[in-house]
Amino acid sequence: MDQENVIDQENNSKPRARPTLTAQAVADQAARRAREAAALRANLRRRKEQARAREQQRSEHDTEGGAANGDAPK
C-alpha cells in the first residue's frame, strides 16, 4: 500500500507536459478541422433537402388522392 502512495505522489508531483506541435502539425490540424466542418455543413444541407422533399411528397400525396378518397392524412 505504501508503494502505491509513493507512485501516486510521484505522478501527482510531476507536471503533465502536453505534446508540442510543429507549425506543420498545427496547419494540418486546422485543415482537417476545416474539412470536417465543411463535410458537416454539406451533410446538414443534404439532410434538410431530403426532409423538404419528403414533406413535399407527403403534401402532394395528401392533396392528390388521400383526402378525396376519405383517407385521413398521415
PDB file of N, CA and C in Angstrom:
ATOM      1  N   MET A   1       0.827  -1.186   0.000  1.00  0.00           N
ATOM      2  CA  MET A   1       0.000   0.000   0.000  1.00  0.00           C
ATOM      3  C   MET A   1       0.870   1.247   0.000  1.00  0.00           C
ATOM      4  N   ASP A   2       1.962   1.209   0.745  1.00  0.00           N
ATOM      5  CA  ASP A   2       2.867   2.343   0.765  1.00  0.00           C
ATOM      6  C   ASP A   2       3.462   2.599  -0.611  1.00  0.00           C
ATOM      7  N   GLN A   3       3.704   1.527  -1.326  1.00  0.00           N
ATOM      8  CA  GLN A   3       4.286   1.659  -2.670  1.00  0.00           C
ATOM      9  C   GLN A   3       3.309   2.388  -3.602  1.00  0.00           C
ATOM     10  N   GLU A   4       2.009   2.088  -3.477  1.00  0.00           N
ATOM     11  CA  GLU A   4       1.006   2.760  -4.307  1.00  0.00           C
ATOM     12  C   GLU A   4       0.985   4.251  -4.011  1.00  0.00           C
ATOM     13  N   ASN A   5       1.058   4.606  -2.750  1.00  0.00           N
ATOM     14  CA  ASN A   5       1.061   6.015  -2.368  1.00  0.00           C
ATOM     15  C   ASN A   5       2.282   6.731  -2.911  1.00  0.00           C
ATOM     16  N   VAL A   6       3.425   6.067  -2.888  1.00  0.00           N
ATOM     17  CA  VAL A   6       4.653   6.660  -3.410  1.00  0.00           C
ATOM     18  C   VAL A   6       4.501   6.922  -4.902  1.00  0.00           C
ATOM     19  N   ILE A   7       3.957   5.934  -5.610  1.00  0.00           N
ATOM     20  CA  ILE A   7       3.773   6.091  -7.060  1.00  0.00           C
ATOM     21  C   ILE A   7       2.795   7.229  -7.347  1.00  0.00           C
ATOM     22  N   ASP A   8       1.666   7.268  -6.603  1.00  0.00           N
ATOM     23  CA  ASP A   8       0.690   8.337  -6.806  1.00  0.00           C
ATOM     24  C   ASP A   8       1.300   9.700  -6.505  1.00  0.00           C
ATOM     25  N   GLN A   9       2.081   9.784  -5.445  1.00  0.00           N
ATOM     26  CA  GLN A   9       2.709  11.048  -5.101  1.00  0.00           C
ATOM     27  C   GLN A   9       3.694  11.465  -6.187  1.00  0.00           C
ATOM     28  N   GLU A  10       4.414  10.507  -6.717  1.00  0.00           N
ATOM     29  CA  GLU A  10       5.361  10.835  -7.789  1.00  0.00           C
ATOM     30  C   GLU A  10       4.619  11.349  -9.014  1.00  0.00           C
ATOM     31  N   ASN A  11       3.542  10.683  -9.383  1.00  0.00           N
ATOM     32  CA  ASN A  11       2.788  11.099 -10.565  1.00  0.00           C
ATOM     33  C   ASN A  11       2.127  12.453 -10.352  1.00  0.00           C
ATOM     34  N   ASN A  12       1.622  12.696  -9.166  1.00  0.00           N
ATOM     35  CA  ASN A  12       0.960  13.963  -8.889  1.00  0.00           C
ATOM     36  C   ASN A  12       1.933  15.121  -8.843  1.00  0.00           C
ATOM     37  N   SER A  13       3.170  14.851  -8.450  1.00  0.00           N
ATOM     38  CA  SER A  13       4.120  15.940  -8.330  1.00  0.00           C
ATOM     39  C   SER A  13       4.714  16.341  -9.682  1.00  0.00           C
ATOM     40  N   LYS A  14       4.630  15.430 -10.648  1.00  0.00           N
ATOM     41  CA  LYS A  14       5.199  15.747 -11.958  1.00  0.00           C
ATOM     42  C   LYS A  14       4.178  16.549 -12.773  1.00  0.00           C
ATOM     43  N   PRO A  15       4.599  17.658 -13.317  1.00  0.00           N
ATOM     44  CA  PRO A  15       3.660  18.398 -14.177  1.00  0.00           C
ATOM     45  C   PRO A  15       3.422  17.601 -15.465  1.00  0.00           C
ATOM     46  N   ARG A  16       2.205  17.596 -15.892  1.00  0.00           N
ATOM     47  CA  ARG A  16       1.881  16.868 -17.116  1.00  0.00           C
ATOM     48  C   ARG A  16       2.237  17.745 -18.309  1.00  0.00           C
ATOM     49  N   ALA A  17       3.214  17.317 -19.026  1.00  0.00           N
ATOM     50  CA  ALA A  17       3.654  18.060 -20.199  1.00  0.00           C
ATOM     51  C   ALA A  17       2.769  17.688 -21.383  1.00  0.00           C
ATOM     52  N   ARG A  18       2.291  18.673 -22.079  1.00  0.00           N
ATOM     53  CA  ARG A  18       1.493  18.430 -23.278  1.00  0.00           C
ATOM     54  C   ARG A  18       2.437  18.324 -24.456  1.00  0.00           C
ATOM     55  N   PRO A  19       2.105  17.484 -25.399  1.00  0.00           N
ATOM     56  CA  PRO A  19       2.980  17.376 -26.565  1.00  0.00           C
ATOM     57  C   PRO A  19       2.969  18.688 -27.355  1.00  0.00           C
ATOM     58  N   THR A  20       4.119  19.069 -27.808  1.00  0.00           N
ATOM     59  CA  THR A  20       4.193  20.291 -28.600  1.00  0.00           C
ATOM     60  C   THR A  20       3.993  19.942 -30.073  1.00  0.00           C
ATOM     61  N   LEU A  21       3.283  20.793 -30.757  1.00  0.00           N
ATOM     62  CA  LEU A  21       3.001  20.570 -32.171  1.00  0.00           C
ATOM     63  C   LEU A  21       3.869  21.489 -33.016  1.00  0.00           C
ATOM     64  N   THR A  22       4.353  20.948 -34.102  1.00  0.00           N
ATOM     65  CA  THR A  22       5.121  21.767 -35.036  1.00  0.00           C
ATOM     66  C   THR A  22       4.148  22.651 -35.806  1.00  0.00           C
ATOM     67  N   ALA A  23       4.694  23.623 -36.493  1.00  0.00           N
ATOM     68  CA  ALA A  23       3.845  24.505 -37.297  1.00  0.00           C
ATOM     69  C   ALA A  23       3.100  23.713 -38.358  1.00  0.00           C
ATOM     70  N   GLN A  24       3.760  22.723 -38.943  1.00  0.00           N
ATOM     71  CA  GLN A  24       3.108  21.893 -39.965  1.00  0.00           C
ATOM     72  C   GLN A  24       1.966  21.083 -39.353  1.00  0.00           C
ATOM     73  N   ALA A  25       2.173  20.557 -38.158  1.00  0.00           N
ATOM     74  CA  ALA A  25       1.134  19.779 -37.489  1.00  0.00           C
ATOM     75  C   ALA A  25      -0.068  20.654 -37.144  1.00  0.00           C
ATOM     76  N   VAL A  26       0.196  21.879 -36.711  1.00  0.00           N
ATOM     77  CA  VAL A  26      -0.898  22.815 -36.407  1.00  0.00           C
ATOM     78  C   VAL A  26      -1.668  23.135 -37.678  1.00  0.00           C
ATOM     79  N   ALA A  27      -0.963  23.349 -38.779  1.00  0.00           N
ATOM     80  CA  ALA A  27      -1.615  23.645 -40.054  1.00  0.00           C
ATOM     81  C   ALA A  27      -2.434  22.441 -40.533  1.00  0.00           C
ATOM     82  N   ASP A  28      -1.880  21.240 -40.374  1.00  0.00           N
ATOM     83  CA  ASP A  28      -2.610  20.032 -40.759  1.00  0.00           C
ATOM     84  C   ASP A  28      -3.871  19.868 -39.931  1.00  0.00           C
ATOM     85  N   GLN A  29      -3.762  20.130 -38.636  1.00  0.00           N
ATOM     86  CA  GLN A  29      -4.903  20.009 -37.747  1.00  0.00           C
ATOM     87  C   GLN A  29      -5.989  21.020 -38.121  1.00  0.00           C
ATOM     88  N   ALA A  30      -5.593  22.231 -38.428  1.00  0.00           N
ATOM     89  CA  ALA A  30      -6.553  23.261 -38.822  1.00  0.00           C
ATOM     90  C   ALA A  30      -7.236  22.888 -40.145  1.00  0.00           C
ATOM     91  N   ALA A  31      -6.458  22.369 -41.085  1.00  0.00           N
ATOM     92  CA  ALA A  31      -7.033  21.955 -42.363  1.00  0.00           C
ATOM     93  C   ALA A  31      -8.010  20.801 -42.171  1.00  0.00           C
ATOM     94  N   ARG A  32      -7.655  19.869 -41.311  1.00  0.00           N
ATOM     95  CA  ARG A  32      -8.535  18.729 -41.040  1.00  0.00           C
ATOM     96  C   ARG A  32      -9.843  19.203 -40.414  1.00  0.00           C
ATOM     97  N   ARG A  33      -9.748  20.113 -39.460  1.00  0.00           N
ATOM     98  CA  ARG A  33     -10.963  20.647 -38.830  1.00  0.00           C
ATOM     99  C   ARG A  33     -11.819  21.418 -39.835  1.00  0.00           C
ATOM    100  N   ALA A  34     -11.180  22.142 -40.740  1.00  0.00           N
ATOM    101  CA  ALA A  34     -11.929  22.880 -41.764  1.00  0.00           C
ATOM    102  C   ALA A  34     -12.652  21.903 -42.699  1.00  0.00           C
ATOM    103  N   ARG A  35     -11.959  20.818 -43.089  1.00  0.00           N
ATOM    104  CA  ARG A  35     -12.607  19.799 -43.938  1.00  0.00           C
ATOM    105  C   ARG A  35     -13.780  19.147 -43.221  1.00  0.00           C
ATOM    106  N   GLU A  36     -13.599  18.836 -41.947  1.00  0.00           N
ATOM    107  CA  GLU A  36     -14.678  18.225 -41.176  1.00  0.00           C
ATOM    108  C   GLU A  36     -15.870  19.169 -41.072  1.00  0.00           C
ATOM    109  N   ALA A  37     -15.615  20.436 -40.828  1.00  0.00           N
ATOM    110  CA  ALA A  37     -16.697  21.413 -40.717  1.00  0.00           C
ATOM    111  C   ALA A  37     -17.441  21.541 -42.045  1.00  0.00           C
ATOM    112  N   ALA A  38     -16.708  21.565 -43.145  1.00  0.00           N
ATOM    113  CA  ALA A  38     -17.345  21.653 -44.458  1.00  0.00           C
ATOM    114  C   ALA A  38     -18.177  20.410 -44.736  1.00  0.00           C
ATOM    115  N   ALA A  39     -17.671  19.241 -44.358  1.00  0.00           N
ATOM    116  CA  ALA A  39     -18.416  18.000 -44.568  1.00  0.00           C
ATOM    117  C   ALA A  39     -19.687  17.985 -43.722  1.00  0.00           C
ATOM    118  N   LEU A  40     -19.604  18.476 -42.492  1.00  0.00           N
ATOM    119  CA  LEU A  40     -20.791  18.528 -41.635  1.00  0.00           C
ATOM    120  C   LEU A  40     -21.837  19.488 -42.196  1.00  0.00           C
ATOM    121  N   ARG A  41     -21.385  20.637 -42.710  1.00  0.00           N
ATOM    122  CA  ARG A  41     -22.339  21.585 -43.306  1.00  0.00           C
ATOM    123  C   ARG A  41     -23.007  20.985 -44.533  1.00  0.00           C
ATOM    124  N   ALA A  42     -22.225  20.297 -45.369  1.00  0.00           N
ATOM    125  CA  ALA A  42     -22.788  19.674 -46.570  1.00  0.00           C
ATOM    126  C   ALA A  42     -23.774  18.576 -46.187  1.00  0.00           C
ATOM    127  N   ASN A  43     -23.446  17.801 -45.168  1.00  0.00           N
ATOM    128  CA  ASN A  43     -24.337  16.744 -44.710  1.00  0.00           C
ATOM    129  C   ASN A  43     -25.644  17.332 -44.187  1.00  0.00           C
ATOM    130  N   LEU A  44     -25.560  18.393 -43.410  1.00  0.00           N
ATOM    131  CA  LEU A  44     -26.762  19.038 -42.890  1.00  0.00           C
ATOM    132  C   LEU A  44     -27.615  19.582 -44.028  1.00  0.00           C
ATOM    133  N   ARG A  45     -26.974  20.212 -44.999  1.00  0.00           N
ATOM    134  CA  ARG A  45     -27.694  20.745 -46.155  1.00  0.00           C
ATOM    135  C   ARG A  45     -28.423  19.617 -46.896  1.00  0.00           C
ATOM    136  N   ARG A  46     -27.723  18.492 -47.091  1.00  0.00           N
ATOM    137  CA  ARG A  46     -28.310  17.349 -47.786  1.00  0.00           C
ATOM    138  C   ARG A  46     -29.502  16.772 -47.009  1.00  0.00           C
ATOM    139  N   ARG A  47     -29.365  16.659 -45.697  1.00  0.00           N
ATOM    140  CA  ARG A  47     -30.466  16.129 -44.886  1.00  0.00           C
ATOM    141  C   ARG A  47     -31.668  17.054 -44.907  1.00  0.00           C
ATOM    142  N   LYS A  48     -31.430  18.366 -44.894  1.00  0.00           N
ATOM    143  CA  LYS A  48     -32.546  19.316 -44.960  1.00  0.00           C
ATOM    144  C   LYS A  48     -33.257  19.208 -46.305  1.00  0.00           C
ATOM    145  N   GLU A  49     -32.496  19.054 -47.385  1.00  0.00           N
ATOM    146  CA  GLU A  49     -33.109  18.891 -48.706  1.00  0.00           C
ATOM    147  C   GLU A  49     -33.945  17.615 -48.753  1.00  0.00           C
ATOM    148  N   GLN A  50     -33.433  16.530 -48.167  1.00  0.00           N
ATOM    149  CA  GLN A  50     -34.180  15.280 -48.139  1.00  0.00           C
ATOM    150  C   GLN A  50     -35.462  15.428 -47.324  1.00  0.00           C
ATOM    151  N   ALA A  51     -35.388  16.131 -46.203  1.00  0.00           N
ATOM    152  CA  ALA A  51     -36.573  16.338 -45.370  1.00  0.00           C
ATOM    153  C   ALA A  51     -37.609  17.172 -46.111  1.00  0.00           C
ATOM    154  N   ARG A  52     -37.152  18.196 -46.824  1.00  0.00           N
ATOM    155  CA  ARG A  52     -38.087  19.024 -47.600  1.00  0.00           C
ATOM    156  C   ARG A  52     -38.750  18.202 -48.707  1.00  0.00           C
ATOM    157  N   ALA A  53     -37.955  17.356 -49.371  1.00  0.00           N
ATOM    158  CA  ALA A  53     -38.504  16.524 -50.443  1.00  0.00           C
ATOM    159  C   ALA A  53     -39.534  15.545 -49.885  1.00  0.00           C
ATOM    160  N   ARG A  54     -39.234  14.935 -48.725  1.00  0.00           N
ATOM    161  CA  ARG A  54     -40.200  14.016 -48.107  1.00  0.00           C
ATOM    162  C   ARG A  54     -41.481  14.753 -47.735  1.00  0.00           C
ATOM    163  N   GLU A  55     -41.353  15.934 -47.161  1.00  0.00           N
ATOM    164  CA  GLU A  55     -42.520  16.718 -46.768  1.00  0.00           C
ATOM    165  C   GLU A  55     -43.338  17.110 -47.992  1.00  0.00           C
ATOM    166  N   GLN A  56     -42.653  17.472 -49.063  1.00  0.00           N
ATOM    167  CA  GLN A  56     -43.361  17.851 -50.287  1.00  0.00           C
ATOM    168  C   GLN A  56     -44.105  16.644 -50.857  1.00  0.00           C
ATOM    169  N   GLN A  57     -43.473  15.478 -50.821  1.00  0.00           N
ATOM    170  CA  GLN A  57     -44.142  14.265 -51.303  1.00  0.00           C
ATOM    171  C   GLN A  57     -45.375  13.955 -50.462  1.00  0.00           C
ATOM    172  N   ARG A  58     -45.257  14.107 -49.148  1.00  0.00           N
ATOM    173  CA  ARG A  58     -46.407  13.859 -48.273  1.00  0.00           C
ATOM    174  C   ARG A  58     -47.545  14.814 -48.596  1.00  0.00           C
ATOM    175  N   SER A  59     -47.218  16.091 -48.745  1.00  0.00           N
ATOM    176  CA  SER A  59     -48.282  17.067 -49.010  1.00  0.00           C
ATOM    177  C   SER A  59     -48.903  16.833 -50.388  1.00  0.00           C
ATOM    178  N   GLU A  60     -48.102  16.442 -51.380  1.00  0.00           N
ATOM    179  CA  GLU A  60     -48.661  16.145 -52.700  1.00  0.00           C
ATOM    180  C   GLU A  60     -49.537  14.897 -52.639  1.00  0.00           C
ATOM    181  N   HIS A  61     -49.101  13.893 -51.902  1.00  0.00           N
ATOM    182  CA  HIS A  61     -49.871  12.662 -51.773  1.00  0.00           C
ATOM    183  C   HIS A  61     -51.192  12.934 -51.058  1.00  0.00           C
ATOM    184  N   ASP A  62     -51.148  13.755 -50.017  1.00  0.00           N
ATOM    185  CA  ASP A  62     -52.365  14.066 -49.260  1.00  0.00           C
ATOM    186  C   ASP A  62     -53.350  14.854 -50.105  1.00  0.00           C
ATOM    187  N   THR A  63     -52.890  15.754 -50.950  1.00  0.00           N
ATOM    188  CA  THR A  63     -53.796  16.585 -51.737  1.00  0.00           C
ATOM    189  C   THR A  63     -54.283  15.859 -52.988  1.00  0.00           C
ATOM    190  N   GLU A  64     -53.510  14.899 -53.503  1.00  0.00           N
ATOM    191  CA  GLU A  64     -53.908  14.220 -54.740  1.00  0.00           C
ATOM    192  C   GLU A  64     -55.074  13.273 -54.528  1.00  0.00           C
ATOM    193  N   GLY A  65     -54.923  12.302 -53.638  1.00  0.00           N
ATOM    194  CA  GLY A  65     -55.969  11.307 -53.562  1.00  0.00           C
ATOM    195  C   GLY A  65     -56.367  10.945 -52.165  1.00  0.00           C
ATOM    196  N   GLY A  66     -55.505  11.161 -51.234  1.00  0.00           N
ATOM    197  CA  GLY A  66     -55.792  10.728 -49.876  1.00  0.00           C
ATOM    198  C   GLY A  66     -57.014  11.387 -49.284  1.00  0.00           C
ATOM    199  N   ALA A  67     -57.127  12.674 -49.341  1.00  0.00           N
ATOM    200  CA  ALA A  67     -58.236  13.396 -48.745  1.00  0.00           C
ATOM    201  C   ALA A  67     -59.503  13.218 -49.579  1.00  0.00           C
ATOM    202  N   ALA A  68     -59.381  13.096 -50.890  1.00  0.00           N
ATOM    203  CA  ALA A  68     -60.552  12.954 -51.757  1.00  0.00           C
ATOM    204  C   ALA A  68     -61.201  11.592 -51.562  1.00  0.00           C
ATOM    205  N   ASN A  69     -60.421  10.579 -51.238  1.00  0.00           N
ATOM    206  CA  ASN A  69     -60.950   9.228 -51.036  1.00  0.00           C
ATOM    207  C   ASN A  69     -61.432   9.006 -49.617  1.00  0.00           C
ATOM    208  N   GLY A  70     -61.352   9.999 -48.776  1.00  0.00           N
ATOM    209  CA  GLY A  70     -61.786   9.855 -47.410  1.00  0.00           C
ATOM    210  C   GLY A  70     -60.715   9.323 -46.465  1.00  0.00           C
ATOM    211  N   ASP A  71     -59.510   9.143 -46.966  1.00  0.00           N
ATOM    212  CA  ASP A  71     -58.430   8.682 -46.118  1.00  0.00           C
ATOM    213  C   ASP A  71     -57.926   9.827 -45.253  1.00  0.00           C
ATOM    214  N   ALA A  72     -57.603   9.511 -44.037  1.00  0.00           N
ATOM    215  CA  ALA A  72     -57.061  10.532 -43.137  1.00  0.00           C
ATOM    216  C   ALA A  72     -55.596  10.765 -43.479  1.00  0.00           C
ATOM    217  N   PRO A  73     -55.157  12.018 -43.502  1.00  0.00           N
ATOM    218  CA  PRO A  73     -53.732  12.281 -43.769  1.00  0.00           C
ATOM    219  C   PRO A  73     -52.887  11.670 -42.666  1.00  0.00           C
ATOM    220  N   LYS A  74     -51.714  11.234 -43.044  1.00  0.00           N
ATOM    221  CA  LYS A  74     -50.802  10.598 -42.087  1.00  0.00           C
ATOM    222  C   LYS A  74     -49.931  11.610 -41.403  1.00  0.00           C
TER     223      LYS A  74
END
